[in-house]
Amino acid sequence: MLMFLIMMAFMMLLVACTTTGGTDSDNGTEDGETTDDGTANGGGSGDNILRLNNSNEPTSLDSTQAFDNVSYNILNNLMEGLTRLGETHEPEEATAENWEVSDDGLTYTFTIRENANWSNGEPVTAGDFEFAWKRLADPETAADAAFLTDLIEGASEFNSGEGTADDMAVTAIDEKTLEVTLTSPQAYFLSIISNPAFFPVHQETVEADASWAAEADTFVGNGPFAITGWNHNSNLTMDKNEEYWDADSVQLDGVVWEMVNDPNTEYQLFQTGELHTSSVPTELAEQLIADGEVDFEDQSGTYFYRFNTEMEPFQNEKIRKAFSMAVDQQEIVDYVTKREENAAHGFVAYGFLEPSGEDFREVGGDLLSFDPTKAQSLLAEGMEEEGYTELPDITLSYNTSDEHKLIAEVLQDMFKEHLDVDVTLANTEWNVFLEAQQNLEMQFSRSSFIADFADPINYLESFVTGSSMNRTGWSNEEYDNLIAAAKAEADEEARFDLMHQAEEILMEEAPIFPIYFYNQPLLQADEVSGIVRHPVGYIELKWASLE
């Protein structure tokens, strides 16, 4: 059945092609307008226009509302925080030209560059950062990324309604000086504030127009590029931002982002020269890799599935574990995705070094194994505990994508083969899917996690009680306490031990189960250089060029 599904998917390879006006940006329209065929103009006055695919419409370009790759990849090039991940993936000076750290490691004092400006020409101030960070933590904003501020003194209390904005220790001392105090010394602080959630916003613009980030002509940024056109659900264009403090380092005239969510169509556009890069279609991955056409770059993230523990039958831990153990992750990466991913037997990906120099994943080991015999036993025990003679109907949901569909079909077959359970599949467009998952309206759904900053705590804090990232209804007091203790622990050996304990609980109680750890296989035109794809973080076009 598995091989039949794979062959069918290969036979259905799409050959449709969407025109984007070619690689020449001079097609007789004004910057940001569309051509007669409805596609975006290059967005720049020169020919040095990079053409990329963003797959989907950004959820939002408001940095406090966006919290996904399709938004962050664009935002990371339209805006900039106090720090930016450099070409070596380490945080370096960005809008802040320098900083000082107190002897106890708790207080950071940042100096903002005199020549840091907004795209409208106005100066970026410390007040813009204070306003943005407090807006992120404000419970009325209801930002999904608000939990990232928890390491700042008073932020958690403000977000929970037990404190006020004045209690959050982020203060503009003057126009160019920002002071921040943490709850405990944390080595990853400079990395976390490079995340788009911590970008500043132009206060006057935000307060004057609640929809400021929804259109190109009202958006104000401070990054290497400025948005010039946005044809919703189709494409977005941006030009080099001449107001950017480091504009001399930006070599591109502009960037066009298409929004094509079919990887086969994306590949065809790459083949015809209408895109400069492409993901690797599942059906062609094996051959393209064998031919040496694919470049691999590291990425920290996990492809996984969530159970809704508030919906039958997944309120039962044994039933959740039965479904988890009925899935052969290695078979999926070997015969379905075929992009040399590592099968995932824990939630935290490889790449995080402990004080000993060992990798967190290797120390933690395999916390989930494929064991159909044990799965059958657990399913029977769980059904007996719940008084089921047969399971309630089960629907597995995924957002629209040929690959998500193929993986879901393989899981459907595995559940039938190993558990004798029929599972119905349902696909939904991304924005609708995301809202339904956040509202706990889905019984069983696919997910992905891409790390926001370089520390295992970023993976694990997602599943504390009430987190906007939890989306399972699962709650465990011991787990919550371990995460809280890890966030407050300054001793690195003790902190890593706490995180290992937490991951063991997460995998034992199984509100989720992983499939594989991401890598970044890609196709890239020979004339493209300088694109930086961070293992933890988002795509950087500041140093990109076309030769």
Protein backbone atom coordinates (compact mmCIF):
# COMPACT_ATOMS: atom_id res chain seq x y z
CA MET A 1 0.00 0.00 0.00
CA LEU A 2 2.85 2.36 0.89
CA MET A 3 4.63 1.79 -2.43
CA PHE A 4 1.32 2.17 -4.29
CA LEU A 5 0.77 5.60 -2.68
CA ILE A 6 4.27 6.71 -3.60
CA MET A 7 3.87 5.57 -7.22
CA MET A 8 0.51 7.30 -7.51
CA ALA A 9 1.99 10.53 -6.17
CA PHE A 10 4.80 10.33 -8.74
CA MET A 11 2.34 9.77 -11.61
CA MET A 12 0.38 12.84 -10.54
CA LEU A 13 3.39 15.19 -10.77
CA LEU A 14 2.01 18.52 -11.88
CA VAL A 15 3.44 20.30 -14.90
CA ALA A 16 1.36 23.45 -14.71
CA CYS A 17 3.39 26.65 -14.75
CA THR A 18 2.49 30.13 -13.48
CA THR A 19 4.17 33.04 -15.26
CA THR A 20 5.76 35.74 -13.17
CA GLY A 21 6.95 38.02 -15.91
CA GLY A 22 10.37 36.33 -16.22
CA THR A 23 13.57 37.41 -14.55
CA ASP A 24 13.63 40.85 -16.14
CA SER A 25 12.06 43.34 -13.73
CA ASP A 26 11.63 46.08 -16.36
CA ASN A 27 8.24 45.14 -17.70
CA GLY A 28 6.70 48.56 -18.18
CA THR A 29 4.88 49.03 -14.86
CA GLU A 30 5.45 51.24 -11.83
CA ASP A 31 7.15 49.77 -8.72
CA GLY A 32 4.82 47.42 -6.88
CA GLU A 33 2.08 47.45 -9.52
CA THR A 34 1.01 44.39 -11.44
CA THR A 35 1.43 43.51 -15.09
CA ASP A 36 -1.45 42.68 -17.39
CA ASP A 37 -1.19 39.01 -16.42
CA GLY A 38 -1.68 39.88 -12.73
CA THR A 39 1.86 39.17 -11.58
CA ALA A 40 4.16 41.43 -9.62
CA ASN A 41 6.66 43.81 -11.08
CA GLY A 42 10.25 43.35 -9.88
CA GLY A 43 9.82 46.18 -7.39
CA GLY A 44 13.18 47.85 -8.08
CA SER A 45 14.60 50.30 -10.59
CA GLY A 46 17.49 47.93 -11.43
CA ASP A 47 17.78 44.43 -12.81
CA ASN A 48 19.27 42.91 -9.66
CA ILE A 49 15.97 41.39 -8.52
CA LEU A 50 15.89 38.15 -6.56
CA ARG A 51 12.81 35.98 -7.08
CA LEU A 52 11.79 33.63 -4.28
CA ASN A 53 8.75 31.61 -3.26
CA ASN A 54 7.13 32.16 0.14
CA SER A 55 4.59 29.33 -0.35
CA ASN A 56 1.70 31.15 1.35
CA GLU A 57 0.32 34.57 2.20
CA PRO A 58 1.91 35.90 5.41
CA THR A 59 -0.37 35.50 8.40
CA SER A 60 0.58 39.07 9.35
CA LEU A 61 3.43 41.53 8.91
CA ASP A 62 2.77 42.99 12.34
CA SER A 63 5.67 41.55 14.33
CA THR A 64 3.49 41.05 17.41
CA GLN A 65 0.83 39.14 15.48
CA ALA A 66 2.98 37.08 13.11
CA PHE A 67 4.41 33.85 14.49
CA ASP A 68 5.17 31.52 11.59
CA ASN A 69 7.77 31.03 8.88
CA VAL A 70 5.76 32.45 6.02
CA SER A 71 5.48 35.74 7.90
CA TYR A 72 8.90 35.77 9.55
CA ASN A 73 10.92 35.09 6.40
CA ILE A 74 9.58 38.31 4.89
CA LEU A 75 9.56 40.31 8.13
CA ASN A 76 13.18 39.42 8.84
CA ASN A 77 14.17 41.40 5.77
CA LEU A 78 11.76 44.30 6.19
CA MET A 79 12.67 44.99 9.81
CA GLU A 80 15.50 44.62 12.29
CA GLY A 81 15.94 44.23 16.03
CA LEU A 82 18.67 45.31 18.38
CA THR A 83 20.68 42.29 17.22
CA ARG A 84 20.69 40.34 13.96
CA LEU A 85 22.02 36.84 13.35
CA GLY A 86 25.14 37.23 11.24
CA GLU A 87 26.61 35.10 8.50
CA THR A 88 28.01 32.72 11.14
CA HIS A 89 24.53 32.44 12.76
CA GLU A 90 25.62 34.24 15.93
CA PRO A 91 23.89 37.42 17.21
CA GLU A 92 25.74 40.60 16.30
CA GLU A 93 25.19 44.36 16.51
CA ALA A 94 22.29 45.56 14.37
CA THR A 95 20.02 48.50 15.22
CA ALA A 96 21.99 48.58 18.48
CA GLU A 97 25.61 49.57 17.86
CA ASN A 98 26.73 48.21 21.26
CA TRP A 99 25.55 47.13 24.70
CA GLU A 100 26.79 46.75 28.24
CA VAL A 101 25.93 43.97 30.67
CA SER A 102 25.86 44.38 34.43
CA ASP A 103 28.22 42.29 36.57
CA ASP A 104 25.35 40.05 37.69
CA GLY A 105 24.34 39.38 34.09
CA LEU A 106 20.81 40.71 34.61
CA THR A 107 20.77 44.20 33.12
CA TYR A 108 21.54 45.05 29.49
CA THR A 109 21.96 48.64 28.32
CA PHE A 110 21.70 49.04 24.54
CA THR A 111 22.83 52.05 22.52
CA ILE A 112 20.86 52.54 19.30
CA ARG A 113 22.65 53.82 16.20
CA GLU A 114 22.29 57.51 15.40
CA ASN A 115 21.75 56.66 11.72
CA ALA A 116 19.11 53.97 12.35
CA ASN A 117 15.99 55.20 10.57
CA TRP A 118 12.52 54.00 9.69
CA SER A 119 11.65 53.60 6.02
CA ASN A 120 9.75 56.91 6.27
CA GLY A 121 12.99 58.68 7.22
CA GLU A 122 12.25 59.17 10.92
CA PRO A 123 14.81 57.99 13.50
CA VAL A 124 14.42 54.66 15.30
CA THR A 125 14.31 55.36 19.03
CA ALA A 126 14.62 53.44 22.27
CA GLY A 127 10.98 54.34 22.83
CA ASP A 128 10.01 52.39 19.71
CA PHE A 129 11.55 49.27 21.27
CA GLU A 130 9.97 49.85 24.67
CA PHE A 131 6.57 50.37 23.05
CA ALA A 132 6.94 47.27 20.83
CA TRP A 133 8.15 44.90 23.56
CA LYS A 134 5.45 45.97 26.01
CA ARG A 135 2.87 45.69 23.24
CA LEU A 136 4.11 42.12 22.65
CA ALA A 137 3.59 41.23 26.33
CA ASP A 138 0.32 43.14 26.70
CA PRO A 139 -2.52 40.65 27.33
CA GLU A 140 -4.82 42.79 25.17
CA THR A 141 -2.55 42.17 22.18
CA ALA A 142 -2.96 38.40 22.68
CA ALA A 143 0.31 37.76 20.84
CA ASP A 144 1.21 34.10 20.29
CA ALA A 145 4.87 34.99 20.89
CA ALA A 146 4.26 36.81 24.19
CA PHE A 147 5.81 33.93 26.13
CA LEU A 148 9.18 34.80 24.59
CA THR A 149 9.26 37.87 26.86
CA ASP A 150 9.06 35.77 30.03
CA LEU A 151 12.78 36.10 30.74
CA ILE A 152 12.31 39.89 31.16
CA GLU A 153 11.52 41.02 34.70
CA GLY A 154 7.81 41.73 35.12
CA ALA A 155 6.80 40.60 31.62
CA SER A 156 5.10 37.37 32.66
CA GLU A 157 3.13 39.19 35.36
CA PHE A 158 2.05 41.84 32.88
CA ASN A 159 0.99 39.25 30.34
CA SER A 160 -1.01 37.26 32.91
CA GLY A 161 -2.83 40.35 34.16
CA GLU A 162 -1.10 40.27 37.54
CA GLY A 163 1.09 43.28 36.73
CA THR A 164 1.20 46.35 34.53
CA ALA A 165 3.32 47.64 31.66
CA ASP A 166 5.25 49.74 34.16
CA ASP A 167 6.32 46.54 35.95
CA MET A 168 7.99 45.20 32.80
CA ALA A 169 11.66 46.10 33.04
CA VAL A 170 12.15 47.61 29.58
CA THR A 171 12.89 51.34 29.76
CA ALA A 172 13.90 53.97 27.24
CA ILE A 173 16.44 55.97 29.26
CA ASP A 174 16.66 58.51 26.44
CA GLU A 175 16.11 58.61 22.67
CA LYS A 176 18.95 56.19 21.94
CA THR A 177 19.40 54.18 25.18
CA LEU A 178 17.32 51.15 26.14
CA GLU A 179 17.69 49.33 29.46
CA VAL A 180 16.40 45.78 29.97
CA THR A 181 16.51 43.69 33.15
CA LEU A 182 16.13 39.90 33.12
CA THR A 183 14.74 37.54 35.72
CA SER A 184 17.96 35.48 35.61
CA PRO A 185 21.17 35.52 33.58
CA GLN A 186 20.54 33.72 30.30
CA ALA A 187 23.19 33.26 27.65
CA TYR A 188 20.63 33.09 24.83
CA PHE A 189 19.15 36.57 25.45
CA LEU A 190 21.06 38.25 22.61
CA SER A 191 19.90 35.47 20.29
CA ILE A 192 16.26 35.62 21.31
CA ILE A 193 15.99 39.38 20.69
CA SER A 194 17.06 38.87 17.08
CA ASN A 195 13.71 37.10 16.62
CA PRO A 196 11.08 39.11 14.69
CA ALA A 197 8.83 39.16 17.76
CA PHE A 198 11.31 41.63 19.28
CA PHE A 199 11.44 43.99 16.33
CA PRO A 200 10.53 47.61 17.09
CA VAL A 201 7.41 49.22 15.64
CA HIS A 202 6.84 52.82 14.65
CA GLN A 203 4.61 53.90 17.51
CA GLU A 204 2.88 56.80 15.77
CA THR A 205 1.97 54.59 12.79
CA VAL A 206 0.66 51.75 14.97
CA GLU A 207 -1.47 54.04 17.11
CA ALA A 208 -2.89 55.87 14.10
CA ASP A 209 -3.88 52.83 12.03
CA ALA A 210 -4.73 49.39 13.42
CA SER A 211 -4.30 47.96 9.90
CA TRP A 212 -0.90 49.54 9.28
CA ALA A 213 0.79 46.20 8.55
CA ALA A 214 -1.85 44.91 6.14
CA GLU A 215 -0.89 46.88 3.03
CA ALA A 216 2.32 47.95 1.33
CA ASP A 217 1.53 51.67 1.34
CA THR A 218 0.98 51.84 5.12
CA PHE A 219 3.78 49.56 6.28
CA VAL A 220 6.76 51.18 8.01
CA GLY A 221 9.90 49.14 8.62
CA ASN A 222 13.54 49.61 9.54
CA GLY A 223 15.26 46.70 7.80
CA PRO A 224 17.43 46.17 4.72
CA PHE A 225 14.40 46.26 2.40
CA ALA A 226 11.17 48.29 2.17
CA ILE A 227 7.89 46.81 0.94
CA THR A 228 6.70 48.29 -2.37
CA GLY A 229 3.82 46.07 -3.44
CA TRP A 230 1.55 43.39 -2.04
CA ASN A 231 -0.91 41.47 -4.18
CA HIS A 232 -2.53 39.39 -1.46
CA ASN A 233 -2.31 35.62 -1.87
CA SER A 234 -0.26 36.17 -5.01
CA ASN A 235 3.04 38.00 -4.48
CA LEU A 236 4.87 40.66 -2.52
CA THR A 237 7.68 42.96 -3.67
CA MET A 238 10.30 44.91 -1.79
CA ASP A 239 13.13 47.28 -2.71
CA LYS A 240 16.45 48.01 -1.11
CA ASN A 241 15.74 50.41 1.78
CA GLU A 242 17.95 53.48 1.32
CA GLU A 243 17.10 54.60 4.87
CA TYR A 244 18.64 51.45 6.35
CA TRP A 245 21.74 52.21 8.45
CA ASP A 246 23.80 49.59 6.59
CA ALA A 247 22.35 50.11 3.09
CA ASP A 248 25.84 49.92 1.57
CA SER A 249 25.94 46.20 2.44
CA VAL A 250 22.69 45.47 0.56
CA GLN A 251 23.52 44.40 -3.00
CA LEU A 252 20.09 43.51 -4.36
CA ASP A 253 17.85 46.15 -5.94
CA GLY A 254 14.79 44.27 -4.76
CA VAL A 255 13.05 40.96 -4.09
CA VAL A 256 9.86 39.40 -5.41
CA TRP A 257 8.17 36.83 -3.18
CA GLU A 258 5.69 34.57 -4.96
CA MET A 259 3.06 32.66 -2.98
CA VAL A 260 2.89 29.24 -4.66
CA ASN A 261 1.99 26.46 -2.25
CA ASP A 262 2.48 23.55 -4.64
CA PRO A 263 6.12 22.33 -4.61
CA ASN A 264 5.82 20.86 -8.10
CA THR A 265 4.70 24.19 -9.56
CA GLU A 266 7.47 25.90 -7.61
CA TYR A 267 9.98 23.49 -9.14
CA GLN A 268 8.66 24.18 -12.65
CA LEU A 269 9.05 27.93 -12.07
CA PHE A 270 12.63 27.31 -10.97
CA GLN A 271 13.27 25.20 -14.06
CA THR A 272 12.04 27.98 -16.35
CA GLY A 273 14.11 30.63 -14.55
CA GLU A 274 11.15 32.39 -13.00
CA LEU A 275 12.34 31.60 -9.49
CA HIS A 276 15.95 31.68 -8.31
CA THR A 277 15.48 28.99 -5.65
CA SER A 278 13.12 26.10 -5.04
CA SER A 279 12.30 23.49 -2.45
CA VAL A 280 12.74 19.87 -3.51
CA PRO A 281 9.52 18.11 -4.56
CA THR A 282 9.02 14.83 -2.72
CA GLU A 283 8.48 12.88 -5.93
CA LEU A 284 11.78 14.07 -7.43
CA ALA A 285 13.91 14.25 -4.30
CA GLU A 286 15.66 10.91 -4.68
CA GLN A 287 16.73 11.56 -8.29
CA LEU A 288 17.71 15.20 -7.75
CA ILE A 289 19.85 14.25 -4.74
CA ALA A 290 21.49 11.42 -6.68
CA ASP A 291 22.24 13.85 -9.51
CA GLY A 292 23.96 16.24 -7.08
CA GLU A 293 21.46 19.02 -7.77
CA VAL A 294 20.42 19.52 -4.14
CA ASP A 295 22.19 21.66 -1.56
CA PHE A 296 21.63 20.77 2.11
CA GLU A 297 21.72 23.32 4.90
CA ASP A 298 21.02 22.80 8.59
CA GLN A 299 17.67 23.73 10.11
CA SER A 300 16.45 23.26 13.64
CA GLY A 301 12.87 22.11 13.67
CA THR A 302 10.51 19.16 14.04
CA TYR A 303 7.64 17.85 11.89
CA PHE A 304 5.08 16.38 14.28
CA TYR A 305 1.42 15.69 15.09
CA ARG A 306 -0.77 16.98 17.93
CA PHE A 307 -3.57 15.18 19.75
CA ASN A 308 -6.41 17.25 21.18
CA THR A 309 -6.53 15.85 24.71
CA GLU A 310 -9.92 17.49 25.25
CA MET A 311 -11.55 15.43 22.49
CA GLU A 312 -12.35 11.73 22.55
CA PRO A 313 -10.58 9.36 22.38
CA PHE A 314 -7.34 11.27 22.94
CA GLN A 315 -8.14 12.26 26.49
CA ASN A 316 -6.66 8.82 27.24
CA GLU A 317 -2.86 8.70 27.49
CA LYS A 318 -2.61 5.04 26.49
CA ILE A 319 -4.62 5.61 23.33
CA ARG A 320 -2.38 8.56 22.43
CA LYS A 321 0.72 6.45 23.00
CA ALA A 322 -0.75 3.61 20.94
CA PHE A 323 -1.14 5.90 17.93
CA SER A 324 2.35 7.31 18.47
CA MET A 325 3.99 3.87 18.60
CA ALA A 326 2.11 2.63 15.51
CA VAL A 327 4.06 5.08 13.30
CA ASP A 328 7.34 4.08 11.68
CA GLN A 329 9.21 7.37 11.39
CA GLN A 330 12.19 5.81 9.61
CA GLU A 331 9.98 4.41 6.86
CA ILE A 332 8.52 7.89 6.26
CA VAL A 333 11.90 9.59 5.83
CA ASP A 334 13.31 6.70 3.76
CA TYR A 335 10.38 6.17 1.39
CA VAL A 336 8.11 9.22 1.55
CA THR A 337 9.99 12.48 2.09
CA LYS A 338 13.37 11.06 0.89
CA ARG A 339 15.34 14.23 1.71
CA GLU A 340 17.81 12.67 4.14
CA GLU A 341 16.04 13.95 7.25
CA ASN A 342 16.69 12.33 10.62
CA ALA A 343 13.73 10.35 11.94
CA ALA A 344 12.59 11.96 15.21
CA HIS A 345 12.36 9.90 18.40
CA GLY A 346 12.24 12.94 20.70
CA PHE A 347 10.93 16.46 20.28
CA VAL A 348 14.08 18.61 20.59
CA ALA A 349 16.17 18.44 17.43
CA TYR A 350 19.91 17.94 17.11
CA GLY A 351 22.29 20.89 17.26
CA PHE A 352 22.19 22.15 20.86
CA LEU A 353 25.38 21.54 22.78
CA GLU A 354 25.40 20.89 26.51
CA PRO A 355 28.12 22.26 28.84
CA SER A 356 29.90 18.92 28.36
CA GLY A 357 30.03 19.49 24.61
CA GLU A 358 27.60 16.64 23.93
CA ASP A 359 24.49 17.15 21.84
CA PHE A 360 21.21 17.52 23.77
CA ARG A 361 19.46 15.00 21.52
CA GLU A 362 22.18 12.39 21.87
CA VAL A 363 22.19 12.77 25.66
CA GLY A 364 18.39 12.54 25.78
CA GLY A 365 18.34 9.51 23.50
CA ASP A 366 15.29 7.96 21.85
CA LEU A 367 12.13 8.66 23.83
CA LEU A 368 9.70 7.17 21.31
CA SER A 369 10.03 3.93 19.35
CA PHE A 370 8.03 2.19 16.64
CA ASP A 371 6.50 -0.83 18.38
CA PRO A 372 3.24 -2.05 16.81
CA THR A 373 2.85 -4.93 19.29
CA LYS A 374 3.08 -2.56 22.27
CA ALA A 375 0.80 -0.13 20.43
CA GLN A 376 -1.92 -2.76 20.07
CA SER A 377 -1.67 -3.61 23.76
CA LEU A 378 -1.87 0.04 24.82
CA LEU A 379 -4.86 0.66 22.56
CA ALA A 380 -6.75 -2.26 24.12
CA GLU A 381 -5.92 -1.06 27.65
CA GLY A 382 -6.96 2.50 26.85
CA MET A 383 -10.25 1.42 25.30
CA GLU A 384 -11.00 -0.70 28.37
CA GLU A 385 -10.26 2.25 30.66
CA GLU A 386 -12.70 4.42 28.70
CA GLY A 387 -15.35 1.73 28.29
CA TYR A 388 -15.06 1.77 24.49
CA THR A 389 -16.15 -1.27 22.52
CA GLU A 390 -15.06 0.66 19.46
CA LEU A 391 -13.21 3.96 19.05
CA PRO A 392 -15.07 7.19 18.28
CA ASP A 393 -14.59 8.41 14.72
CA ILE A 394 -11.10 9.85 14.23
CA THR A 395 -10.16 12.63 11.80
CA LEU A 396 -6.58 13.59 11.06
CA SER A 397 -6.32 17.18 9.75
CA TYR A 398 -3.52 18.76 7.76
CA ASN A 399 -3.06 22.06 5.96
CA THR A 400 -3.24 21.91 2.18
CA SER A 401 -0.05 20.53 0.65
CA ASP A 402 0.68 17.51 -1.52
CA GLU A 403 3.42 16.38 0.85
CA HIS A 404 1.31 16.80 4.00
CA LYS A 405 -1.38 14.81 2.22
CA LEU A 406 1.02 12.03 1.27
CA ILE A 407 2.41 11.71 4.81
CA ALA A 408 -1.12 11.72 6.24
CA GLU A 409 -2.12 8.93 3.84
CA VAL A 410 0.86 6.85 4.93
CA LEU A 411 -0.09 7.38 8.59
CA GLN A 412 -3.66 6.44 7.76
CA ASP A 413 -2.38 3.18 6.29
CA MET A 414 -0.11 2.51 9.30
CA PHE A 415 -2.98 3.01 11.75
CA LYS A 416 -5.08 0.58 9.76
CA GLU A 417 -2.29 -1.99 9.47
CA HIS A 418 -0.97 -1.83 13.03
CA LEU A 419 -4.07 -0.87 15.05
CA ASP A 420 -6.93 -1.88 12.74
CA VAL A 421 -8.27 1.67 13.11
CA ASP A 422 -9.86 3.64 10.27
CA VAL A 423 -8.83 7.30 10.22
CA THR A 424 -10.49 9.95 8.07
CA LEU A 425 -8.30 12.65 6.51
CA ALA A 426 -9.23 16.32 6.14
CA ASN A 427 -7.26 19.12 4.52
CA THR A 428 -7.77 22.84 5.19
CA GLU A 429 -6.16 26.02 3.87
CA TRP A 430 -3.38 27.35 6.11
CA ASN A 431 -4.96 30.37 7.80
CA VAL A 432 -8.21 28.51 8.53
CA PHE A 433 -6.25 25.46 9.69
CA LEU A 434 -4.08 27.51 12.05
CA GLU A 435 -7.04 29.25 13.68
CA ALA A 436 -8.93 25.99 14.16
CA GLN A 437 -5.89 24.31 15.68
CA GLN A 438 -5.29 27.22 18.05
CA ASN A 439 -8.96 27.08 19.11
CA LEU A 440 -8.72 23.33 19.84
CA GLU A 441 -11.27 22.56 17.15
CA MET A 442 -9.23 19.75 15.60
CA GLN A 443 -9.09 16.26 17.05
CA PHE A 444 -5.74 15.20 15.58
CA SER A 445 -3.58 17.45 13.38
CA ARG A 446 -0.15 17.86 11.78
CA SER A 447 2.24 20.54 12.97
CA SER A 448 5.74 21.82 12.60
CA PHE A 449 8.06 23.66 14.92
CA ILE A 450 10.98 25.79 13.71
CA ALA A 451 13.19 27.06 16.52
CA ASP A 452 12.95 30.77 17.29
CA PHE A 453 16.26 30.93 19.15
CA ALA A 454 19.18 28.62 19.83
CA ASP A 455 18.25 26.79 23.01
CA PRO A 456 16.22 23.61 23.79
CA ILE A 457 13.97 25.59 26.13
CA ASN A 458 12.40 27.14 23.04
CA TYR A 459 11.07 23.72 21.99
CA LEU A 460 9.91 22.66 25.42
CA GLU A 461 8.28 25.84 26.70
CA SER A 462 5.68 25.52 23.95
CA PHE A 463 3.79 22.89 25.95
CA VAL A 464 3.37 24.54 29.32
CA THR A 465 -0.21 24.91 30.48
CA GLY A 466 -2.06 27.63 28.62
CA SER A 467 0.71 28.43 26.13
CA SER A 468 -0.55 29.72 22.80
CA MET A 469 1.81 27.21 21.23
CA ASN A 470 0.43 24.23 23.16
CA ARG A 471 -2.69 23.65 21.05
CA THR A 472 -3.34 20.23 22.61
CA GLY A 473 -5.24 21.01 25.81
CA TRP A 474 -2.58 19.02 27.67
CA SER A 475 -1.49 20.20 31.11
CA ASN A 476 1.03 18.76 33.55
CA GLU A 477 2.00 20.60 36.73
CA GLU A 478 5.35 18.83 37.08
CA TYR A 479 6.23 19.70 33.51
CA ASP A 480 5.28 23.36 34.08
CA ASN A 481 7.43 23.50 37.21
CA LEU A 482 10.43 21.98 35.42
CA ILE A 483 10.20 24.54 32.61
CA ALA A 484 9.84 27.40 35.09
CA ALA A 485 12.85 26.11 37.04
CA ALA A 486 14.93 25.79 33.86
CA LYS A 487 14.13 29.37 32.89
CA ALA A 488 15.29 30.59 36.30
CA GLU A 489 18.39 28.40 36.51
CA ALA A 490 21.74 30.11 35.87
CA ASP A 491 23.84 26.94 36.23
CA GLU A 492 23.96 25.41 32.75
CA GLU A 493 24.44 21.78 33.81
CA ALA A 494 21.46 21.97 36.15
CA ARG A 495 19.39 23.79 33.51
CA PHE A 496 20.00 21.11 30.88
CA ASP A 497 19.12 18.37 33.36
CA LEU A 498 15.78 20.08 34.06
CA MET A 499 15.04 20.28 30.35
CA HIS A 500 15.77 16.58 29.86
CA GLN A 501 13.35 15.72 32.65
CA ALA A 502 10.69 17.87 31.02
CA GLU A 503 11.12 16.28 27.59
CA GLU A 504 10.78 12.81 29.10
CA ILE A 505 7.40 13.77 30.59
CA LEU A 506 6.26 15.30 27.29
CA MET A 507 7.07 12.16 25.35
CA GLU A 508 5.73 9.81 28.04
CA GLU A 509 2.31 11.48 28.21
CA ALA A 510 2.26 11.93 24.42
CA PRO A 511 0.11 14.97 23.66
CA ILE A 512 2.26 15.02 20.52
CA PHE A 513 4.44 12.64 18.54
CA PRO A 514 7.29 13.57 16.17
CA ILE A 515 7.99 12.36 12.65
CA TYR A 516 11.32 13.86 11.57
CA PHE A 517 13.78 16.67 12.21
CA TYR A 518 13.98 19.25 9.47
CA ASN A 519 16.92 19.97 7.24
CA GLN A 520 16.98 22.51 4.40
CA PRO A 521 17.33 20.76 1.02
CA LEU A 522 17.08 23.31 -1.76
CA LEU A 523 17.74 24.10 -5.37
CA GLN A 524 19.45 27.39 -6.15
CA ALA A 525 20.42 29.08 -9.39
CA ASP A 526 24.16 29.37 -10.03
CA GLU A 527 24.03 33.17 -10.17
CA VAL A 528 22.70 33.45 -6.62
CA SER A 529 25.07 33.89 -3.68
CA GLY A 530 25.05 35.29 -0.18
CA ILE A 531 21.63 34.07 0.98
CA VAL A 532 22.00 33.07 4.63
CA ARG A 533 19.61 30.42 5.93
CA HIS A 534 20.01 30.15 9.68
CA PRO A 535 19.63 26.74 11.34
CA VAL A 536 17.81 28.65 14.08
CA GLY A 537 16.23 31.77 12.68
CA TYR A 538 15.04 32.99 9.33
CA ILE A 539 16.31 33.68 5.84
CA GLU A 540 18.67 36.65 5.46
CA LEU A 541 18.83 38.55 2.16
CA LYS A 542 20.93 41.45 3.42
CA TRP A 543 24.09 39.90 1.94
CA ALA A 544 22.49 38.21 -1.09
CA SER A 545 23.52 39.00 -4.66
CA LEU A 546 22.98 37.93 -8.25
CA GLU A 547 26.08 37.54 -10.42
